[in-house]
Amino acid sequence: MTTTRVGAGLRAVVVGLLTLVFLAPFYLMLRNSLMDSRSLASPEWTWWPSSAHWENFTGLFTDPSLHLGRALLNSLLIAGITAPVSTLLASAAGYAFARIPVPGRGVLMALVVATLMIPGSVTFVPTFVVVGSMGGVNTLWGVLAPGLFNPFAVLLFRNFYLRLPAEIEEAGRLDGLGWFGLYRRIALPNSGAMLASLGALAFIDSWNAFLWPLVIGQDPSAWTAQIALSGFLTSQTINLPGLFAGAVVTIAPLVVMFLIAQRYIVEGIASSGLKG
């Protein structure tokens, strides 16, 4: 009994220390966002500013050169469309690869997996040329369109549907359902954890995207939150307190998303069949 209590106490201490380590960046971000530039650059360490500068947060939305309010709405719209659409497309493709017996299915799946091995820098310019030729420059659809296809999610969904017992689809076959009916009425409702986890990851990935939105969204009306934050670091000025305040504001939706979906993320990855 004593050994069990000691082990539980040690685990609690380790978990507490790891929690402090992972929360330290959030503490530093919030602390720095409430300081002024002089205090932030001072060599003397302070655990918390003696006078909190909340105007750093209000200034984010009153500065006409940042367009942060519009950028946040753009990011929310882009991520809010990309996450469900890309997840549903990956789910349908994964089900087709796992269930529909078409000639060359293995080769097609191999090609999808092969796209994971191609560096993004190789396809960046061709993607820009294609999207630009279709009039996607300075448009929100031009920012979100390349992110609608997620080969990694297709692979995860395929593995998940391969592990899904085929017997549960037999009743649907007896009712005359085709492949689409089986997917919509049986397979899709049974993949809620995968949909939630990959949807959350797609939302986070879309929200944090920087290079592609920077290149394709050149007009301030098409800026995302990450592009607006880069306005605090220019060749003329460096506004670190404003940058930290903007980081706190833009990371808040991701924290909420993770808190809501953390259980589904773990469950979805565990049910995908990938190990290690």
Protein backbone atom coordinates (compact mmCIF):
# COMPACT_ATOMS: atom_id res chain seq x y z
CA MET A 1 0.00 0.00 0.00
CA THR A 2 2.82 2.37 0.89
CA THR A 3 4.58 1.62 -2.41
CA THR A 4 1.36 2.33 -4.30
CA ARG A 5 0.93 5.68 -2.57
CA VAL A 6 4.54 6.64 -3.26
CA GLY A 7 4.14 5.73 -6.92
CA ALA A 8 0.93 7.74 -7.19
CA GLY A 9 2.62 10.70 -5.50
CA LEU A 10 5.56 10.57 -7.89
CA ARG A 11 3.24 10.42 -10.88
CA ALA A 12 1.34 13.43 -9.56
CA VAL A 13 4.59 15.37 -9.14
CA VAL A 14 5.76 14.47 -12.66
CA VAL A 15 2.39 15.40 -14.16
CA GLY A 16 2.42 18.70 -12.26
CA LEU A 17 5.92 19.56 -13.47
CA LEU A 18 5.08 18.69 -17.06
CA THR A 19 1.93 20.80 -16.81
CA LEU A 20 3.97 23.79 -15.66
CA VAL A 21 6.43 23.27 -18.52
CA PHE A 22 3.68 23.19 -21.14
CA LEU A 23 1.82 26.17 -19.60
CA ALA A 24 4.97 28.31 -19.38
CA PRO A 25 4.72 29.61 -22.99
CA PHE A 26 1.12 30.71 -22.42
CA TYR A 27 2.09 32.49 -19.21
CA LEU A 28 4.98 34.28 -20.96
CA MET A 29 2.73 35.24 -23.86
CA LEU A 30 0.10 36.78 -21.58
CA ARG A 31 2.70 38.46 -19.37
CA ASN A 32 4.51 40.03 -22.31
CA SER A 33 1.25 41.19 -23.89
CA LEU A 34 0.50 43.33 -20.81
CA MET A 35 3.90 45.07 -20.73
CA ASP A 36 5.23 48.08 -22.58
CA SER A 37 8.19 47.97 -24.93
CA ARG A 38 10.64 49.40 -22.37
CA SER A 39 9.72 46.89 -19.65
CA LEU A 40 9.77 44.04 -22.13
CA ALA A 41 13.30 44.93 -23.24
CA SER A 42 14.56 45.44 -19.68
CA PRO A 43 17.17 42.93 -18.43
CA GLU A 44 15.42 42.81 -15.03
CA TRP A 45 12.97 39.93 -14.75
CA THR A 46 9.45 40.58 -13.50
CA TRP A 47 6.90 37.85 -12.94
CA TRP A 48 4.00 40.16 -13.71
CA PRO A 49 3.88 43.80 -14.87
CA SER A 50 3.21 46.27 -12.07
CA SER A 51 0.89 48.18 -14.40
CA ALA A 52 -0.99 46.06 -16.93
CA HIS A 53 -1.30 47.71 -20.35
CA TRP A 54 -4.70 46.46 -21.50
CA GLU A 55 -4.61 49.04 -24.25
CA ASN A 56 -2.30 46.65 -26.10
CA PHE A 57 -5.40 44.53 -26.77
CA THR A 58 -7.74 47.37 -27.67
CA GLY A 59 -5.09 48.79 -29.99
CA LEU A 60 -5.24 45.62 -32.06
CA PHE A 61 -8.67 46.56 -33.38
CA THR A 62 -8.21 50.34 -33.59
CA ASP A 63 -5.04 50.31 -35.70
CA PRO A 64 -6.22 50.86 -39.29
CA SER A 65 -3.06 49.35 -40.76
CA LEU A 66 -3.56 45.91 -39.18
CA HIS A 67 -7.12 45.04 -40.27
CA LEU A 68 -7.07 42.43 -37.49
CA GLY A 69 -10.84 42.29 -37.07
CA ARG A 70 -11.36 41.54 -40.76
CA ALA A 71 -8.41 39.12 -40.71
CA LEU A 72 -9.90 37.16 -37.80
CA LEU A 73 -13.21 36.87 -39.64
CA ASN A 74 -11.38 35.69 -42.76
CA SER A 75 -9.44 33.07 -40.79
CA LEU A 76 -12.63 31.88 -39.09
CA LEU A 77 -14.43 31.63 -42.43
CA ILE A 78 -11.56 29.85 -44.20
CA ALA A 79 -10.91 27.39 -41.37
CA GLY A 80 -14.65 26.91 -40.80
CA ILE A 81 -15.10 25.85 -44.44
CA THR A 82 -11.84 23.97 -44.93
CA ALA A 83 -12.19 21.76 -41.84
CA PRO A 84 -15.60 20.15 -42.55
CA VAL A 85 -15.26 20.05 -46.35
CA SER A 86 -11.77 18.53 -46.39
CA THR A 87 -12.73 16.04 -43.69
CA LEU A 88 -15.86 14.88 -45.52
CA LEU A 89 -13.99 14.58 -48.81
CA ALA A 90 -11.26 12.55 -47.11
CA SER A 91 -13.90 10.38 -45.44
CA ALA A 92 -15.64 9.63 -48.73
CA ALA A 93 -12.33 8.91 -50.48
CA GLY A 94 -11.16 6.70 -47.62
CA TYR A 95 -14.39 4.70 -47.71
CA ALA A 96 -14.09 4.24 -51.47
CA PHE A 97 -10.51 2.98 -51.17
CA ALA A 98 -11.46 0.63 -48.32
CA ARG A 99 -14.71 -0.82 -49.65
CA ILE A 100 -15.35 -0.32 -53.38
CA PRO A 101 -13.59 -3.07 -55.39
CA VAL A 102 -12.45 -1.19 -58.50
CA PRO A 103 -9.48 -2.18 -60.70
CA GLY A 104 -6.29 -0.36 -59.77
CA ARG A 105 -7.52 0.64 -56.33
CA GLY A 106 -4.16 -0.21 -54.75
CA VAL A 107 -2.25 1.81 -57.33
CA LEU A 108 -4.48 4.84 -56.82
CA MET A 109 -4.04 4.61 -53.07
CA ALA A 110 -0.29 4.39 -53.54
CA LEU A 111 -0.41 7.58 -55.61
CA VAL A 112 -2.37 9.34 -52.87
CA VAL A 113 0.19 8.26 -50.27
CA ALA A 114 3.01 9.32 -52.60
CA THR A 115 1.74 12.90 -52.51
CA LEU A 116 2.70 12.95 -48.82
CA MET A 117 6.33 12.56 -49.87
CA ILE A 118 6.35 15.58 -52.18
CA PRO A 119 7.66 18.72 -50.41
CA GLY A 120 5.26 21.63 -50.39
CA SER A 121 7.92 23.87 -51.92
CA VAL A 122 7.80 21.75 -55.10
CA THR A 123 4.07 22.25 -55.67
CA PHE A 124 3.87 25.81 -54.36
CA VAL A 125 4.56 27.64 -57.62
CA PRO A 126 2.41 25.34 -59.83
CA THR A 127 -0.45 25.70 -57.36
CA PHE A 128 -0.13 29.49 -57.43
CA VAL A 129 -0.13 29.48 -61.24
CA VAL A 130 -3.27 27.32 -61.38
CA VAL A 131 -5.16 29.29 -58.72
CA GLY A 132 -4.01 32.60 -60.19
CA SER A 133 -5.12 31.64 -63.69
CA MET A 134 -8.58 30.91 -62.26
CA GLY A 135 -8.78 34.36 -60.69
CA GLY A 136 -8.11 33.23 -57.13
CA VAL A 137 -5.59 35.94 -56.19
CA ASN A 138 -6.90 38.22 -53.39
CA THR A 139 -9.94 36.00 -52.87
CA LEU A 140 -10.89 33.84 -49.91
CA TRP A 141 -11.64 30.83 -52.10
CA GLY A 142 -8.13 31.08 -53.52
CA VAL A 143 -6.75 30.84 -49.99
CA LEU A 144 -8.82 27.85 -48.93
CA ALA A 145 -9.09 25.80 -52.15
CA PRO A 146 -5.66 24.05 -51.99
CA GLY A 147 -6.35 22.92 -48.44
CA LEU A 148 -9.50 20.98 -49.31
CA PHE A 149 -7.56 17.83 -50.24
CA ASN A 150 -5.79 16.09 -47.36
CA PRO A 151 -4.09 12.81 -48.39
CA PHE A 152 -3.05 12.05 -44.82
CA ALA A 153 -6.70 12.18 -43.72
CA VAL A 154 -7.62 9.90 -46.65
CA LEU A 155 -5.07 7.36 -45.39
CA LEU A 156 -6.41 7.54 -41.84
CA PHE A 157 -10.02 7.13 -42.97
CA ARG A 158 -9.09 4.19 -45.20
CA ASN A 159 -7.43 2.43 -42.28
CA PHE A 160 -10.43 3.17 -40.10
CA TYR A 161 -12.97 1.79 -42.57
CA LEU A 162 -10.84 -1.32 -43.15
CA ARG A 163 -11.14 -2.02 -39.42
CA LEU A 164 -14.88 -1.34 -39.43
CA PRO A 165 -16.73 -4.71 -39.42
CA ALA A 166 -18.28 -5.35 -42.82
CA GLU A 167 -21.13 -7.25 -41.17
CA ILE A 168 -22.80 -4.03 -40.05
CA GLU A 169 -23.28 -3.12 -43.73
CA GLU A 170 -25.06 -6.37 -44.60
CA ALA A 171 -28.40 -5.11 -43.33
CA GLY A 172 -28.06 -2.08 -45.58
CA ARG A 173 -27.31 -4.28 -48.57
CA LEU A 174 -30.46 -6.29 -47.85
CA ASP A 175 -32.40 -3.01 -47.90
CA GLY A 176 -31.03 -2.26 -51.36
CA LEU A 177 -28.51 0.41 -50.43
CA GLY A 178 -25.71 1.14 -52.87
CA TRP A 179 -22.21 2.19 -52.00
CA PHE A 180 -23.19 5.81 -51.40
CA GLY A 181 -26.14 4.78 -49.24
CA LEU A 182 -23.96 2.45 -47.19
CA TYR A 183 -21.45 5.23 -46.70
CA ARG A 184 -24.01 7.91 -45.81
CA ARG A 185 -26.27 5.84 -43.56
CA ILE A 186 -23.87 3.36 -41.94
CA ALA A 187 -20.17 4.15 -42.36
CA LEU A 188 -20.33 7.92 -41.85
CA PRO A 189 -22.42 7.83 -38.63
CA ASN A 190 -19.99 5.28 -37.17
CA SER A 191 -16.94 7.47 -37.81
CA GLY A 192 -17.85 10.34 -35.52
CA ALA A 193 -14.61 10.25 -33.54
CA MET A 194 -12.51 10.30 -36.70
CA LEU A 195 -14.54 13.14 -38.18
CA ALA A 196 -14.22 15.21 -35.01
CA SER A 197 -10.51 14.60 -34.52
CA LEU A 198 -9.42 15.17 -38.12
CA GLY A 199 -11.81 18.09 -38.46
CA ALA A 200 -10.23 19.73 -35.41
CA LEU A 201 -6.72 19.13 -36.76
CA ALA A 202 -7.74 20.53 -40.16
CA PHE A 203 -9.16 23.63 -38.46
CA ILE A 204 -5.93 24.19 -36.52
CA ASP A 205 -3.78 23.64 -39.61
CA SER A 206 -5.87 26.04 -41.70
CA TRP A 207 -5.91 28.67 -38.95
CA ASN A 208 -2.11 28.59 -38.57
CA ALA A 209 -1.33 28.68 -42.31
CA PHE A 210 0.95 31.58 -43.21
CA LEU A 211 2.96 31.27 -46.43
CA TRP A 212 0.15 30.40 -48.84
CA PRO A 213 -2.29 33.06 -47.50
CA LEU A 214 0.57 35.58 -47.60
CA VAL A 215 1.28 34.96 -51.28
CA ILE A 216 -2.27 34.52 -52.60
CA GLY A 217 -3.97 37.10 -50.36
CA GLN A 218 -2.00 40.22 -51.21
CA ASP A 219 -4.84 42.67 -50.56
CA PRO A 220 -5.71 43.51 -46.90
CA SER A 221 -9.29 42.40 -47.55
CA ALA A 222 -8.01 38.83 -48.00
CA TRP A 223 -5.57 38.80 -45.08
CA THR A 224 -5.79 36.10 -42.44
CA ALA A 225 -5.01 36.50 -38.75
CA GLN A 226 -1.45 35.25 -39.17
CA ILE A 227 -0.76 37.76 -41.95
CA ALA A 228 -2.13 40.60 -39.84
CA LEU A 229 0.17 39.61 -36.96
CA SER A 230 3.20 39.92 -39.21
CA GLY A 231 2.44 43.65 -39.40
CA PHE A 232 3.96 44.07 -35.94
CA LEU A 233 7.37 43.12 -37.32
CA THR A 234 8.47 45.44 -40.10
CA SER A 235 11.77 46.85 -41.26
CA GLN A 236 10.91 50.17 -39.56
CA THR A 237 9.29 49.13 -36.27
CA ILE A 238 9.07 46.14 -33.97
CA ASN A 239 6.06 46.21 -31.65
CA LEU A 240 6.64 43.21 -29.40
CA PRO A 241 3.87 43.93 -26.84
CA GLY A 242 1.37 44.29 -29.67
CA LEU A 243 2.65 41.10 -31.28
CA PHE A 244 2.21 39.14 -28.05
CA ALA A 245 -1.26 40.63 -27.53
CA GLY A 246 -2.21 39.65 -31.06
CA ALA A 247 -0.85 36.15 -30.47
CA VAL A 248 -3.04 35.80 -27.37
CA VAL A 249 -6.12 36.87 -29.32
CA THR A 250 -5.44 34.64 -32.33
CA ILE A 251 -4.53 31.57 -30.28
CA ALA A 252 -7.72 31.73 -28.20
CA PRO A 253 -9.92 29.95 -30.82
CA LEU A 254 -7.33 27.17 -31.11
CA VAL A 255 -7.24 26.66 -27.35
CA VAL A 256 -11.02 26.42 -27.28
CA MET A 257 -10.98 24.02 -30.22
CA PHE A 258 -8.40 21.79 -28.57
CA LEU A 259 -10.19 21.74 -25.22
CA ILE A 260 -13.39 20.66 -26.93
CA ALA A 261 -11.85 18.09 -29.28
CA GLN A 262 -8.88 16.70 -27.32
CA ARG A 263 -10.72 13.50 -26.40
CA TYR A 264 -11.82 12.95 -29.99
CA ILE A 265 -8.31 13.61 -31.32
CA VAL A 266 -6.82 10.83 -29.19
CA GLU A 267 -9.72 8.47 -29.86
CA GLY A 268 -9.70 9.15 -33.59
CA ILE A 269 -5.96 8.54 -34.01
CA ALA A 270 -6.21 5.37 -31.90
CA SER A 271 -9.04 4.03 -34.06
CA SER A 272 -7.25 4.81 -37.33
CA GLY A 273 -5.06 1.73 -37.07
CA LEU A 274 -1.75 3.64 -37.12
CA LYS A 275 0.81 2.66 -34.51
CA GLY A 276 4.08 4.25 -33.48
